[in-house]
Amino acid sequence: GAALLSAMEASARAAHEATVEALNADERATFLELLKRVVSAH
């Protein structure tokens, strides 16, 4: 399991990056902070 987790890390990160690829670096940071705030509130 540990070996598989390590092997797929780059691909998993790429999926997360692709999810928000329409945003620039600053927008992504802001988007994540807003998501955290909403989730934390609930």
ModelCIF file with pLDDT and N, C-alpha, C, O atoms, coordinates in Angstrom:
data_MODEL
#
_entry.id   MODEL 
#
_entity.id                         1 
_entity.type                       polymer 
_entity.pdbx_number_of_molecules   1 
#
_entity_poly.entity_id                      1 
_entity_poly.type                           'polypeptide(L)' 
_entity_poly.nstd_linkage                   no 
_entity_poly.nstd_monomer                   no 
_entity_poly.pdbx_seq_one_letter_code       GAALLSAMEASARAAHEATVEALNADERATFLELLKRVVSAH 
_entity_poly.pdbx_seq_one_letter_code_can   GAALLSAMEASARAAHEATVEALNADERATFLELLKRVVSAH 
_entity_poly.pdbx_strand_id                 A 
#
loop_
_entity_poly_seq.entity_id 
_entity_poly_seq.num 
_entity_poly_seq.mon_id 
_entity_poly_seq.hetero 
1 1  GLY n 
1 2  ALA n 
1 3  ALA n 
1 4  LEU n 
1 5  LEU n 
1 6  SER n 
1 7  ALA n 
1 8  MET n 
1 9  GLU n 
1 10 ALA n 
1 11 SER n 
1 12 ALA n 
1 13 ARG n 
1 14 ALA n 
1 15 ALA n 
1 16 HIS n 
1 17 GLU n 
1 18 ALA n 
1 19 THR n 
1 20 VAL n 
1 21 GLU n 
1 22 ALA n 
1 23 LEU n 
1 24 ASN n 
1 25 ALA n 
1 26 ASP n 
1 27 GLU n 
1 28 ARG n 
1 29 ALA n 
1 30 THR n 
1 31 PHE n 
1 32 LEU n 
1 33 GLU n 
1 34 LEU n 
1 35 LEU n 
1 36 LYS n 
1 37 ARG n 
1 38 VAL n 
1 39 VAL n 
1 40 SER n 
1 41 ALA n 
1 42 HIS n 
#
_struct_asym.id          A 
_struct_asym.entity_id   1 
#
loop_
_ma_qa_metric.id 
_ma_qa_metric.mode 
_ma_qa_metric.name 
_ma_qa_metric.software_group_id 
_ma_qa_metric.type 
1 global pLDDT . pLDDT 
2 local  pLDDT . pLDDT 
#
_ma_qa_metric_global.metric_id      1 
_ma_qa_metric_global.metric_value   95.31 
_ma_qa_metric_global.model_id       1 
_ma_qa_metric_global.ordinal_id     1 
#
loop_
_ma_qa_metric_local.label_asym_id 
_ma_qa_metric_local.label_comp_id 
_ma_qa_metric_local.label_seq_id 
_ma_qa_metric_local.metric_id 
_ma_qa_metric_local.metric_value 
_ma_qa_metric_local.model_id 
_ma_qa_metric_local.ordinal_id 
A GLY 1  2 95.00 1 1  
A ALA 2  2 96.00 1 2  
A ALA 3  2 96.00 1 3  
A LEU 4  2 96.00 1 4  
A LEU 5  2 96.00 1 5  
A SER 6  2 96.00 1 6  
A ALA 7  2 97.00 1 7  
A MET 8  2 96.00 1 8  
A GLU 9  2 96.00 1 9  
A ALA 10 2 96.00 1 10 
A SER 11 2 97.00 1 11 
A ALA 12 2 97.00 1 12 
A ARG 13 2 96.00 1 13 
A ALA 14 2 97.00 1 14 
A ALA 15 2 97.00 1 15 
A HIS 16 2 96.00 1 16 
A GLU 17 2 96.00 1 17 
A ALA 18 2 96.00 1 18 
A THR 19 2 96.00 1 19 
A VAL 20 2 96.00 1 20 
A GLU 21 2 96.00 1 21 
A ALA 22 2 95.00 1 22 
A LEU 23 2 95.00 1 23 
A ASN 24 2 96.00 1 24 
A ALA 25 2 95.00 1 25 
A ASP 26 2 96.00 1 26 
A GLU 27 2 96.00 1 27 
A ARG 28 2 96.00 1 28 
A ALA 29 2 96.00 1 29 
A THR 30 2 96.00 1 30 
A PHE 31 2 96.00 1 31 
A LEU 32 2 95.00 1 32 
A GLU 33 2 96.00 1 33 
A LEU 34 2 95.00 1 34 
A LEU 35 2 94.00 1 35 
A LYS 36 2 94.00 1 36 
A ARG 37 2 95.00 1 37 
A VAL 38 2 93.00 1 38 
A VAL 39 2 92.00 1 39 
A SER 40 2 91.00 1 40 
A ALA 41 2 92.00 1 41 
A HIS 42 2 89.00 1 42 
#
loop_
_atom_site.group_PDB 
_atom_site.id 
_atom_site.type_symbol 
_atom_site.label_atom_id 
_atom_site.label_alt_id 
_atom_site.label_comp_id 
_atom_site.label_asym_id 
_atom_site.label_entity_id 
_atom_site.label_seq_id 
_atom_site.pdbx_PDB_ins_code 
_atom_site.Cartn_x 
_atom_site.Cartn_y 
_atom_site.Cartn_z 
_atom_site.occupancy 
_atom_site.B_iso_or_equiv 
_atom_site.pdbx_formal_charge 
_atom_site.auth_seq_id 
_atom_site.auth_comp_id 
_atom_site.auth_asym_id 
_atom_site.auth_atom_id 
_atom_site.pdbx_PDB_model_num 
ATOM 1   N N  . GLY A 1 1  ? 0.814   -1.206 0.000   1.00 95.00 ? 1  GLY A N  1 
ATOM 2   C CA . GLY A 1 1  ? 0.000   0.000  0.000   1.00 95.00 ? 1  GLY A CA 1 
ATOM 3   C C  . GLY A 1 1  ? 0.850   1.260  0.000   1.00 95.00 ? 1  GLY A C  1 
ATOM 4   O O  . GLY A 1 1  ? 0.563   2.214  -0.723  1.00 95.00 ? 1  GLY A O  1 
ATOM 5   N N  . ALA A 1 2  ? 1.898   1.256  0.816   1.00 96.00 ? 2  ALA A N  1 
ATOM 6   C CA . ALA A 1 2  ? 2.798   2.412  0.878   1.00 96.00 ? 2  ALA A CA 1 
ATOM 7   C C  . ALA A 1 2  ? 3.493   2.632  -0.462  1.00 96.00 ? 2  ALA A C  1 
ATOM 8   O O  . ALA A 1 2  ? 3.673   3.768  -0.902  1.00 96.00 ? 2  ALA A O  1 
ATOM 9   N N  . ALA A 1 3  ? 3.882   1.526  -1.106  1.00 96.00 ? 3  ALA A N  1 
ATOM 10  C CA . ALA A 1 3  ? 4.559   1.635  -2.400  1.00 96.00 ? 3  ALA A CA 1 
ATOM 11  C C  . ALA A 1 3  ? 3.620   2.201  -3.464  1.00 96.00 ? 3  ALA A C  1 
ATOM 12  O O  . ALA A 1 3  ? 4.023   3.038  -4.272  1.00 96.00 ? 3  ALA A O  1 
ATOM 13  N N  . LEU A 1 4  ? 2.367   1.741  -3.460  1.00 96.00 ? 4  LEU A N  1 
ATOM 14  C CA . LEU A 1 4  ? 1.394   2.234  -4.434  1.00 96.00 ? 4  LEU A CA 1 
ATOM 15  C C  . LEU A 1 4  ? 1.083   3.711  -4.188  1.00 96.00 ? 4  LEU A C  1 
ATOM 16  O O  . LEU A 1 4  ? 0.973   4.492  -5.133  1.00 96.00 ? 4  LEU A O  1 
ATOM 17  N N  . LEU A 1 5  ? 0.943   4.088  -2.921  1.00 96.00 ? 5  LEU A N  1 
ATOM 18  C CA . LEU A 1 5  ? 0.665   5.484  -2.573  1.00 96.00 ? 5  LEU A CA 1 
ATOM 19  C C  . LEU A 1 5  ? 1.770   6.393  -3.084  1.00 96.00 ? 5  LEU A C  1 
ATOM 20  O O  . LEU A 1 5  ? 1.507   7.474  -3.611  1.00 96.00 ? 5  LEU A O  1 
ATOM 21  N N  . SER A 1 6  ? 2.998   5.949  -2.924  1.00 96.00 ? 6  SER A N  1 
ATOM 22  C CA . SER A 1 6  ? 4.136   6.734  -3.386  1.00 96.00 ? 6  SER A CA 1 
ATOM 23  C C  . SER A 1 6  ? 4.175   6.805  -4.910  1.00 96.00 ? 6  SER A C  1 
ATOM 24  O O  . SER A 1 6  ? 4.461   7.856  -5.484  1.00 96.00 ? 6  SER A O  1 
ATOM 25  N N  . ALA A 1 7  ? 3.885   5.680  -5.559  1.00 97.00 ? 7  ALA A N  1 
ATOM 26  C CA . ALA A 1 7  ? 3.961   5.614  -7.019  1.00 97.00 ? 7  ALA A CA 1 
ATOM 27  C C  . ALA A 1 7  ? 2.921   6.495  -7.700  1.00 97.00 ? 7  ALA A C  1 
ATOM 28  O O  . ALA A 1 7  ? 3.168   7.029  -8.781  1.00 97.00 ? 7  ALA A O  1 
ATOM 29  N N  . MET A 1 8  ? 1.748   6.649  -7.062  1.00 96.00 ? 8  MET A N  1 
ATOM 30  C CA . MET A 1 8  ? 0.681   7.403  -7.709  1.00 96.00 ? 8  MET A CA 1 
ATOM 31  C C  . MET A 1 8  ? 0.593   8.851  -7.247  1.00 96.00 ? 8  MET A C  1 
ATOM 32  O O  . MET A 1 8  ? -0.306  9.575  -7.673  1.00 96.00 ? 8  MET A O  1 
ATOM 33  N N  . GLU A 1 9  ? 1.493   9.283  -6.396  1.00 96.00 ? 9  GLU A N  1 
ATOM 34  C CA . GLU A 1 9  ? 1.405   10.642 -5.866  1.00 96.00 ? 9  GLU A CA 1 
ATOM 35  C C  . GLU A 1 9  ? 1.435   11.695 -6.972  1.00 96.00 ? 9  GLU A C  1 
ATOM 36  O O  . GLU A 1 9  ? 0.635   12.630 -6.959  1.00 96.00 ? 9  GLU A O  1 
ATOM 37  N N  . ALA A 1 10 ? 2.348   11.551 -7.922  1.00 96.00 ? 10 ALA A N  1 
ATOM 38  C CA . ALA A 1 10 ? 2.458   12.542 -8.994  1.00 96.00 ? 10 ALA A CA 1 
ATOM 39  C C  . ALA A 1 10 ? 1.175   12.606 -9.821  1.00 96.00 ? 10 ALA A C  1 
ATOM 40  O O  . ALA A 1 10 ? 0.718   13.692 -10.175 1.00 96.00 ? 10 ALA A O  1 
ATOM 41  N N  . SER A 1 11 ? 0.600   11.456 -10.126 1.00 97.00 ? 11 SER A N  1 
ATOM 42  C CA . SER A 1 11 ? -0.634  11.421 -10.915 1.00 97.00 ? 11 SER A CA 1 
ATOM 43  C C  . SER A 1 11 ? -1.803  12.018 -10.145 1.00 97.00 ? 11 SER A C  1 
ATOM 44  O O  . SER A 1 11 ? -2.619  12.747 -10.709 1.00 97.00 ? 11 SER A O  1 
ATOM 45  N N  . ALA A 1 12 ? -1.883  11.708 -8.852  1.00 97.00 ? 12 ALA A N  1 
ATOM 46  C CA . ALA A 1 12 ? -2.965  12.248 -8.027  1.00 97.00 ? 12 ALA A CA 1 
ATOM 47  C C  . ALA A 1 12 ? -2.851  13.767 -7.912  1.00 97.00 ? 12 ALA A C  1 
ATOM 48  O O  . ALA A 1 12 ? -3.849  14.483 -7.997  1.00 97.00 ? 12 ALA A O  1 
ATOM 49  N N  . ARG A 1 13 ? -1.628  14.247 -7.720  1.00 96.00 ? 13 ARG A N  1 
ATOM 50  C CA . ARG A 1 13 ? -1.425  15.702 -7.652  1.00 96.00 ? 13 ARG A CA 1 
ATOM 51  C C  . ARG A 1 13 ? -1.808  16.356 -8.976  1.00 96.00 ? 13 ARG A C  1 
ATOM 52  O O  . ARG A 1 13 ? -2.377  17.448 -9.000  1.00 96.00 ? 13 ARG A O  1 
ATOM 53  N N  . ALA A 1 14 ? -1.489  15.678 -10.075 1.00 97.00 ? 14 ALA A N  1 
ATOM 54  C CA . ALA A 1 14 ? -1.831  16.216 -11.392 1.00 97.00 ? 14 ALA A CA 1 
ATOM 55  C C  . ALA A 1 14 ? -3.346  16.344 -11.558 1.00 97.00 ? 14 ALA A C  1 
ATOM 56  O O  . ALA A 1 14 ? -3.831  17.298 -12.166 1.00 97.00 ? 14 ALA A O  1 
ATOM 57  N N  . ALA A 1 15 ? -4.085  15.379 -11.017 1.00 97.00 ? 15 ALA A N  1 
ATOM 58  C CA . ALA A 1 15 ? -5.553  15.432 -11.090 1.00 97.00 ? 15 ALA A CA 1 
ATOM 59  C C  . ALA A 1 15 ? -6.091  16.629 -10.309 1.00 97.00 ? 15 ALA A C  1 
ATOM 60  O O  . ALA A 1 15 ? -7.010  17.314 -10.759 1.00 97.00 ? 15 ALA A O  1 
ATOM 61  N N  . HIS A 1 16 ? -5.513  16.871 -9.143  1.00 96.00 ? 16 HIS A N  1 
ATOM 62  C CA . HIS A 1 16 ? -5.947  18.022 -8.340  1.00 96.00 ? 16 HIS A CA 1 
ATOM 63  C C  . HIS A 1 16 ? -5.578  19.331 -9.043  1.00 96.00 ? 16 HIS A C  1 
ATOM 64  O O  . HIS A 1 16 ? -6.355  20.285 -9.048  1.00 96.00 ? 16 HIS A O  1 
ATOM 65  N N  . GLU A 1 17 ? -4.401  19.359 -9.626  1.00 96.00 ? 17 GLU A N  1 
ATOM 66  C CA . GLU A 1 17 ? -3.976  20.560 -10.342 1.00 96.00 ? 17 GLU A CA 1 
ATOM 67  C C  . GLU A 1 17 ? -4.869  20.812 -11.549 1.00 96.00 ? 17 GLU A C  1 
ATOM 68  O O  . GLU A 1 17 ? -5.252  21.951 -11.818 1.00 96.00 ? 17 GLU A O  1 
ATOM 69  N N  . ALA A 1 18 ? -5.197  19.760 -12.266 1.00 96.00 ? 18 ALA A N  1 
ATOM 70  C CA . ALA A 1 18 ? -6.040  19.907 -13.457 1.00 96.00 ? 18 ALA A CA 1 
ATOM 71  C C  . ALA A 1 18 ? -7.438  20.401 -13.090 1.00 96.00 ? 18 ALA A C  1 
ATOM 72  O O  . ALA A 1 18 ? -8.082  21.095 -13.877 1.00 96.00 ? 18 ALA A O  1 
ATOM 73  N N  . THR A 1 19 ? -7.904  20.045 -11.903 1.00 96.00 ? 19 THR A N  1 
ATOM 74  C CA . THR A 1 19 ? -9.227  20.466 -11.453 1.00 96.00 ? 19 THR A CA 1 
ATOM 75  C C  . THR A 1 19 ? -9.345  21.984 -11.385 1.00 96.00 ? 19 THR A C  1 
ATOM 76  O O  . THR A 1 19 ? -10.406 22.545 -11.657 1.00 96.00 ? 19 THR A O  1 
ATOM 77  N N  . VAL A 1 20 ? -8.242  22.646 -11.018 1.00 96.00 ? 20 VAL A N  1 
ATOM 78  C CA . VAL A 1 20 ? -8.280  24.108 -10.862 1.00 96.00 ? 20 VAL A CA 1 
ATOM 79  C C  . VAL A 1 20 ? -7.349  24.806 -11.857 1.00 96.00 ? 20 VAL A C  1 
ATOM 80  O O  . VAL A 1 20 ? -6.895  25.922 -11.603 1.00 96.00 ? 20 VAL A O  1 
ATOM 81  N N  . GLU A 1 21 ? -7.067  24.159 -12.975 1.00 96.00 ? 21 GLU A N  1 
ATOM 82  C CA . GLU A 1 21 ? -6.099  24.709 -13.919 1.00 96.00 ? 21 GLU A CA 1 
ATOM 83  C C  . GLU A 1 21 ? -6.559  26.014 -14.573 1.00 96.00 ? 21 GLU A C  1 
ATOM 84  O O  . GLU A 1 21 ? -5.745  26.749 -15.132 1.00 96.00 ? 21 GLU A O  1 
ATOM 85  N N  . ALA A 1 22 ? -7.853  26.300 -14.505 1.00 95.00 ? 22 ALA A N  1 
ATOM 86  C CA . ALA A 1 22 ? -8.358  27.541 -15.086 1.00 95.00 ? 22 ALA A CA 1 
ATOM 87  C C  . ALA A 1 22 ? -7.985  28.760 -14.239 1.00 95.00 ? 22 ALA A C  1 
ATOM 88  O O  . ALA A 1 22 ? -8.160  29.894 -14.685 1.00 95.00 ? 22 ALA A O  1 
ATOM 89  N N  . LEU A 1 23 ? -7.477  28.542 -13.031 1.00 95.00 ? 23 LEU A N  1 
ATOM 90  C CA . LEU A 1 23 ? -7.116  29.627 -12.125 1.00 95.00 ? 23 LEU A CA 1 
ATOM 91  C C  . LEU A 1 23 ? -5.605  29.809 -12.090 1.00 95.00 ? 23 LEU A C  1 
ATOM 92  O O  . LEU A 1 23 ? -4.855  28.844 -12.228 1.00 95.00 ? 23 LEU A O  1 
ATOM 93  N N  . ASN A 1 24 ? -5.163  31.045 -11.905 1.00 96.00 ? 24 ASN A N  1 
ATOM 94  C CA . ASN A 1 24 ? -3.730  31.266 -11.738 1.00 96.00 ? 24 ASN A CA 1 
ATOM 95  C C  . ASN A 1 24 ? -3.336  30.971 -10.295 1.00 96.00 ? 24 ASN A C  1 
ATOM 96  O O  . ASN A 1 24 ? -4.194  30.643 -9.475  1.00 96.00 ? 24 ASN A O  1 
ATOM 97  N N  . ALA A 1 25 ? -2.063  31.083 -9.982  1.00 95.00 ? 25 ALA A N  1 
ATOM 98  C CA . ALA A 1 25 ? -1.573  30.691 -8.657  1.00 95.00 ? 25 ALA A CA 1 
ATOM 99  C C  . ALA A 1 25 ? -2.262  31.454 -7.532  1.00 95.00 ? 25 ALA A C  1 
ATOM 100 O O  . ALA A 1 25 ? -2.657  30.853 -6.533  1.00 95.00 ? 25 ALA A O  1 
ATOM 101 N N  . ASP A 1 26 ? -2.412  32.764 -7.677  1.00 96.00 ? 26 ASP A N  1 
ATOM 102 C CA . ASP A 1 26 ? -3.054  33.566 -6.639  1.00 96.00 ? 26 ASP A CA 1 
ATOM 103 C C  . ASP A 1 26 ? -4.528  33.200 -6.495  1.00 96.00 ? 26 ASP A C  1 
ATOM 104 O O  . ASP A 1 26 ? -5.049  33.120 -5.382  1.00 96.00 ? 26 ASP A O  1 
ATOM 105 N N  . GLU A 1 27 ? -5.190  32.980 -7.616  1.00 96.00 ? 27 GLU A N  1 
ATOM 106 C CA . GLU A 1 27 ? -6.605  32.609 -7.568  1.00 96.00 ? 27 GLU A CA 1 
ATOM 107 C C  . GLU A 1 27 ? -6.797  31.246 -6.920  1.00 96.00 ? 27 GLU A C  1 
ATOM 108 O O  . GLU A 1 27 ? -7.761  31.034 -6.185  1.00 96.00 ? 27 GLU A O  1 
ATOM 109 N N  . ARG A 1 28 ? -5.884  30.326 -7.188  1.00 96.00 ? 28 ARG A N  1 
ATOM 110 C CA . ARG A 1 28 ? -5.980  28.999 -6.564  1.00 96.00 ? 28 ARG A CA 1 
ATOM 111 C C  . ARG A 1 28 ? -5.848  29.102 -5.051  1.00 96.00 ? 28 ARG A C  1 
ATOM 112 O O  . ARG A 1 28 ? -6.597  28.464 -4.310  1.00 96.00 ? 28 ARG A O  1 
ATOM 113 N N  . ALA A 1 29 ? -4.904  29.900 -4.601  1.00 96.00 ? 29 ALA A N  1 
ATOM 114 C CA . ALA A 1 29 ? -4.694  30.068 -3.161  1.00 96.00 ? 29 ALA A CA 1 
ATOM 115 C C  . ALA A 1 29 ? -5.946  30.662 -2.513  1.00 96.00 ? 29 ALA A C  1 
ATOM 116 O O  . ALA A 1 29 ? -6.379  30.221 -1.448  1.00 96.00 ? 29 ALA A O  1 
ATOM 117 N N  . THR A 1 30 ? -6.512  31.657 -3.169  1.00 96.00 ? 30 THR A N  1 
ATOM 118 C CA . THR A 1 30 ? -7.732  32.282 -2.646  1.00 96.00 ? 30 THR A CA 1 
ATOM 119 C C  . THR A 1 30 ? -8.894  31.300 -2.658  1.00 96.00 ? 30 THR A C  1 
ATOM 120 O O  . THR A 1 30 ? -9.661  31.221 -1.699  1.00 96.00 ? 30 THR A O  1 
ATOM 121 N N  . PHE A 1 31 ? -9.020  30.550 -3.756  1.00 96.00 ? 31 PHE A N  1 
ATOM 122 C CA . PHE A 1 31 ? -10.093 29.571 -3.893  1.00 96.00 ? 31 PHE A CA 1 
ATOM 123 C C  . PHE A 1 31 ? -10.019 28.520 -2.780  1.00 96.00 ? 31 PHE A C  1 
ATOM 124 O O  . PHE A 1 31 ? -11.036 28.188 -2.170  1.00 96.00 ? 31 PHE A O  1 
ATOM 125 N N  . LEU A 1 32 ? -8.831  28.006 -2.522  1.00 95.00 ? 32 LEU A N  1 
ATOM 126 C CA . LEU A 1 32 ? -8.662  27.004 -1.472  1.00 95.00 ? 32 LEU A CA 1 
ATOM 127 C C  . LEU A 1 32 ? -8.995  27.565 -0.103  1.00 95.00 ? 32 LEU A C  1 
ATOM 128 O O  . LEU A 1 32 ? -9.631  26.890 0.707   1.00 95.00 ? 32 LEU A O  1 
ATOM 129 N N  . GLU A 1 33 ? -8.572  28.797 0.165   1.00 96.00 ? 33 GLU A N  1 
ATOM 130 C CA . GLU A 1 33 ? -8.873  29.413 1.456   1.00 96.00 ? 33 GLU A CA 1 
ATOM 131 C C  . GLU A 1 33 ? -10.378 29.592 1.631   1.00 96.00 ? 33 GLU A C  1 
ATOM 132 O O  . GLU A 1 33 ? -10.908 29.379 2.721   1.00 96.00 ? 33 GLU A O  1 
ATOM 133 N N  . LEU A 1 34 ? -11.062 29.981 0.566   1.00 95.00 ? 34 LEU A N  1 
ATOM 134 C CA . LEU A 1 34 ? -12.511 30.147 0.652   1.00 95.00 ? 34 LEU A CA 1 
ATOM 135 C C  . LEU A 1 34 ? -13.208 28.800 0.850   1.00 95.00 ? 34 LEU A C  1 
ATOM 136 O O  . LEU A 1 34 ? -14.164 28.699 1.620   1.00 95.00 ? 34 LEU A O  1 
ATOM 137 N N  . LEU A 1 35 ? -12.731 27.775 0.158   1.00 94.00 ? 35 LEU A N  1 
ATOM 138 C CA . LEU A 1 35 ? -13.298 26.434 0.348   1.00 94.00 ? 35 LEU A CA 1 
ATOM 139 C C  . LEU A 1 35 ? -13.113 25.964 1.789   1.00 94.00 ? 35 LEU A C  1 
ATOM 140 O O  . LEU A 1 35 ? -14.035 25.417 2.394   1.00 94.00 ? 35 LEU A O  1 
ATOM 141 N N  . LYS A 1 36 ? -11.922 26.179 2.328   1.00 94.00 ? 36 LYS A N  1 
ATOM 142 C CA . LYS A 1 36 ? -11.646 25.793 3.713   1.00 94.00 ? 36 LYS A CA 1 
ATOM 143 C C  . LYS A 1 36 ? -12.578 26.516 4.682   1.00 94.00 ? 36 LYS A C  1 
ATOM 144 O O  . LYS A 1 36 ? -13.061 25.930 5.651   1.00 94.00 ? 36 LYS A O  1 
ATOM 145 N N  . ARG A 1 37 ? -12.824 27.798 4.407   1.00 95.00 ? 37 ARG A N  1 
ATOM 146 C CA . ARG A 1 37 ? -13.682 28.580 5.288   1.00 95.00 ? 37 ARG A CA 1 
ATOM 147 C C  . ARG A 1 37 ? -15.116 28.049 5.271   1.00 95.00 ? 37 ARG A C  1 
ATOM 148 O O  . ARG A 1 37 ? -15.754 27.919 6.316   1.00 95.00 ? 37 ARG A O  1 
ATOM 149 N N  . VAL A 1 38 ? -15.610 27.747 4.072   1.00 93.00 ? 38 VAL A N  1 
ATOM 150 C CA . VAL A 1 38 ? -16.967 27.231 3.950   1.00 93.00 ? 38 VAL A CA 1 
ATOM 151 C C  . VAL A 1 38 ? -17.097 25.874 4.634   1.00 93.00 ? 38 VAL A C  1 
ATOM 152 O O  . VAL A 1 38 ? -18.044 25.638 5.384   1.00 93.00 ? 38 VAL A O  1 
ATOM 153 N N  . VAL A 1 39 ? -16.143 24.984 4.372   1.00 92.00 ? 39 VAL A N  1 
ATOM 154 C CA . VAL A 1 39 ? -16.181 23.645 4.976   1.00 92.00 ? 39 VAL A CA 1 
ATOM 155 C C  . VAL A 1 39 ? -16.062 23.734 6.492   1.00 92.00 ? 39 VAL A C  1 
ATOM 156 O O  . VAL A 1 39 ? -16.768 23.031 7.215   1.00 92.00 ? 39 VAL A O  1 
ATOM 157 N N  . SER A 1 40 ? -15.178 24.591 6.971   1.00 91.00 ? 40 SER A N  1 
ATOM 158 C CA . SER A 1 40 ? -14.987 24.758 8.407   1.00 91.00 ? 40 SER A CA 1 
ATOM 159 C C  . SER A 1 40 ? -16.254 25.270 9.087   1.00 91.00 ? 40 SER A C  1 
ATOM 160 O O  . SER A 1 40 ? -16.558 24.886 10.216  1.00 91.00 ? 40 SER A O  1 
ATOM 161 N N  . ALA A 1 41 ? -16.984 26.135 8.397   1.00 92.00 ? 41 ALA A N  1 
ATOM 162 C CA . ALA A 1 41 ? -18.211 26.695 8.967   1.00 92.00 ? 41 ALA A CA 1 
ATOM 163 C C  . ALA A 1 41 ? -19.285 25.636 9.161   1.00 92.00 ? 41 ALA A C  1 
ATOM 164 O O  . ALA A 1 41 ? -20.205 25.814 9.959   1.00 92.00 ? 41 ALA A O  1 
ATOM 165 N N  . HIS A 1 42 ? -19.163 24.521 8.422   1.00 89.00 ? 42 HIS A N  1 
ATOM 166 C CA . HIS A 1 42 ? -20.144 23.432 8.530   1.00 89.00 ? 42 HIS A CA 1 
ATOM 167 C C  . HIS A 1 42 ? -19.508 22.169 9.108   1.00 89.00 ? 42 HIS A C  1 
ATOM 168 O O  . HIS A 1 42 ? -20.186 21.154 9.269   1.00 89.00 ? 42 HIS A O  1 
#
